[in-house]
Protein backbone atom coordinates (compact mmCIF):
# COMPACT_ATOMS: atom_id res chain seq x y z
CA MET A 1 -1.78 -0.70 -19.63
CA TYR A 2 -3.72 -1.24 -16.40
CA ASP A 3 -4.98 -4.78 -15.78
CA ALA A 4 -8.53 -4.40 -14.41
CA ASN A 5 -8.47 -8.02 -13.25
CA ASN A 6 -5.50 -7.70 -10.87
CA ILE A 7 -6.22 -8.80 -7.30
CA PHE A 8 -6.40 -5.26 -5.90
CA ALA A 9 -8.86 -4.13 -8.58
CA ARG A 10 -10.98 -7.15 -7.67
CA ILE A 11 -10.78 -6.24 -3.96
CA LEU A 12 -11.89 -2.68 -4.78
CA ARG A 13 -14.89 -4.05 -6.69
CA GLY A 14 -15.81 -6.32 -3.76
CA GLU A 15 -15.17 -9.52 -5.71
CA VAL A 16 -12.45 -10.65 -3.30
CA PRO A 17 -12.77 -10.19 0.47
CA ALA A 18 -10.22 -8.15 2.41
CA ASP A 19 -9.66 -7.44 6.10
CA LYS A 20 -10.13 -3.67 5.78
CA THR A 21 -8.51 -1.35 8.30
CA TYR A 22 -9.31 2.01 6.68
CA GLU A 23 -11.31 3.33 3.74
CA ASP A 24 -12.25 6.72 2.36
CA GLU A 25 -13.10 8.16 -1.06
CA HIS A 26 -9.50 7.94 -2.31
CA ALA A 27 -7.90 4.91 -0.66
CA LEU A 28 -8.40 1.51 0.91
CA ALA A 29 -6.16 -0.12 3.53
CA PHE A 30 -6.29 -3.80 4.39
CA ARG A 31 -4.18 -6.52 6.01
CA ASP A 32 -1.80 -8.45 3.78
CA ILE A 33 -2.79 -12.12 3.51
CA ARG A 34 0.90 -13.16 3.67
CA PRO A 35 2.31 -10.77 6.28
CA LEU A 36 6.04 -10.14 6.49
CA ALA A 37 5.78 -8.44 9.89
CA PRO A 38 3.35 -8.67 12.83
CA GLU A 39 1.53 -5.71 11.28
CA HIS A 40 1.55 -5.69 7.48
CA ILE A 41 -1.02 -3.42 5.88
CA LEU A 42 -1.45 -2.51 2.21
CA VAL A 43 -2.78 0.92 1.26
CA ILE A 44 -4.02 1.32 -2.30
CA PRO A 45 -5.54 4.17 -4.27
CA LYS A 46 -9.08 3.58 -5.49
CA GLY A 47 -8.12 4.74 -8.98
CA ALA A 48 -6.61 2.49 -11.64
CA TYR A 49 -2.88 3.25 -11.28
CA ILE A 50 -0.17 0.72 -12.08
CA ASP A 51 2.71 2.07 -10.00
CA MET A 52 4.14 5.22 -8.43
CA GLU A 53 5.23 6.56 -11.83
CA ASP A 54 1.72 6.20 -13.24
CA PHE A 55 0.11 7.58 -10.08
CA THR A 56 2.26 10.70 -9.79
CA ALA A 57 1.86 11.42 -13.52
CA ARG A 58 -1.93 10.98 -13.76
CA ALA A 59 -3.59 11.19 -10.33
CA SER A 60 -5.27 14.37 -9.16
CA ASP A 61 -3.82 16.36 -6.28
CA ALA A 62 -6.76 15.17 -4.14
CA GLU A 63 -5.97 11.51 -4.94
CA ILE A 64 -2.27 11.93 -4.15
CA THR A 65 -2.97 13.72 -0.89
CA GLY A 66 -5.70 11.21 -0.03
CA LEU A 67 -3.42 8.20 -0.48
CA PHE A 68 -0.70 9.57 1.76
CA ARG A 69 -3.20 10.75 4.37
CA ALA A 70 -4.64 7.22 4.34
CA VAL A 71 -1.19 5.81 5.15
CA GLY A 72 -0.84 8.13 8.16
CA GLU A 73 -4.41 7.63 9.35
CA THR A 74 -4.07 3.84 9.08
CA ALA A 75 -0.87 3.90 11.16
CA ARG A 76 -2.53 6.09 13.81
CA ARG A 77 -5.72 4.00 14.00
CA LEU A 78 -3.75 0.79 14.41
CA GLY A 79 -1.45 2.28 17.06
CA LEU A 80 1.67 1.86 14.93
CA THR A 81 3.08 5.33 15.50
CA LYS A 82 4.30 4.61 19.03
CA GLY A 83 6.92 2.00 18.13
CA GLY A 84 7.41 3.18 14.56
CA TYR A 85 6.69 1.71 11.19
CA ARG A 86 8.14 1.42 7.71
CA ILE A 87 6.41 2.24 4.45
CA LEU A 88 7.48 0.75 1.14
CA ALA A 89 6.19 1.02 -2.41
CA ASN A 90 7.82 -1.18 -5.03
CA SER A 91 7.58 0.24 -8.55
CA GLY A 92 8.32 -1.92 -11.56
CA ALA A 93 10.05 -5.21 -12.26
CA ASP A 94 13.48 -4.35 -10.83
CA ALA A 95 11.83 -3.42 -7.52
CA HIS A 96 9.89 -6.72 -7.55
CA GLN A 97 6.42 -5.17 -7.74
CA GLU A 98 4.14 -8.21 -7.64
CA VAL A 99 0.70 -6.65 -8.28
CA PRO A 100 0.30 -4.08 -11.09
CA HIS A 101 -1.77 -1.68 -8.95
CA LEU A 102 0.06 0.91 -6.87
CA HIS A 103 0.25 -0.20 -3.26
CA ILE A 104 2.08 1.03 -0.21
CA HIS A 105 3.12 -1.50 2.42
CA ILE A 106 3.08 -0.53 6.09
CA PHE A 107 5.28 -2.81 8.22
CA ALA A 108 5.33 -2.64 12.02
CA GLY A 109 5.14 -4.61 15.24
CA ARG A 110 8.81 -5.51 15.70
CA PRO A 111 12.26 -4.03 15.00
CA LEU A 112 12.58 -4.23 11.22
CA GLY A 113 16.34 -3.95 10.77
CA PRO A 114 18.04 -2.19 7.88
CA MET A 115 16.11 -1.56 4.68
CA LEU A 116 18.62 -3.10 2.29
CA LYS A 117 21.84 -4.96 2.83
CA ARG A 118 24.91 -3.20 1.55
CA GLU A 119 26.75 -4.98 -1.21
CA ALA A 120 30.32 -5.93 -0.39
């Protein structure tokens, strides 16, 4: 069940400030308050979706397209496409999803290294 009091829902309602970098009818992008890279942006759908599973099962085609267009548009507007960037969406407990509202991280601004370390 979606928690309407999660931090991203509160940002969407304007109860918590955010350093917005992009917004349209379907998505909002803003700077992470604890960045893990020189550029660390979060892109969230405006609808109440817990994770990627929930989003892809219930969102409209316009919402799905809008979210992914927002990721690309955010990267272009911030000049991240030149050096490259990484996108990441954690989904569920095993992936260490910290906020129960779908969010896509955009990381950029330095070489990011491998995604995951191989187990020996």
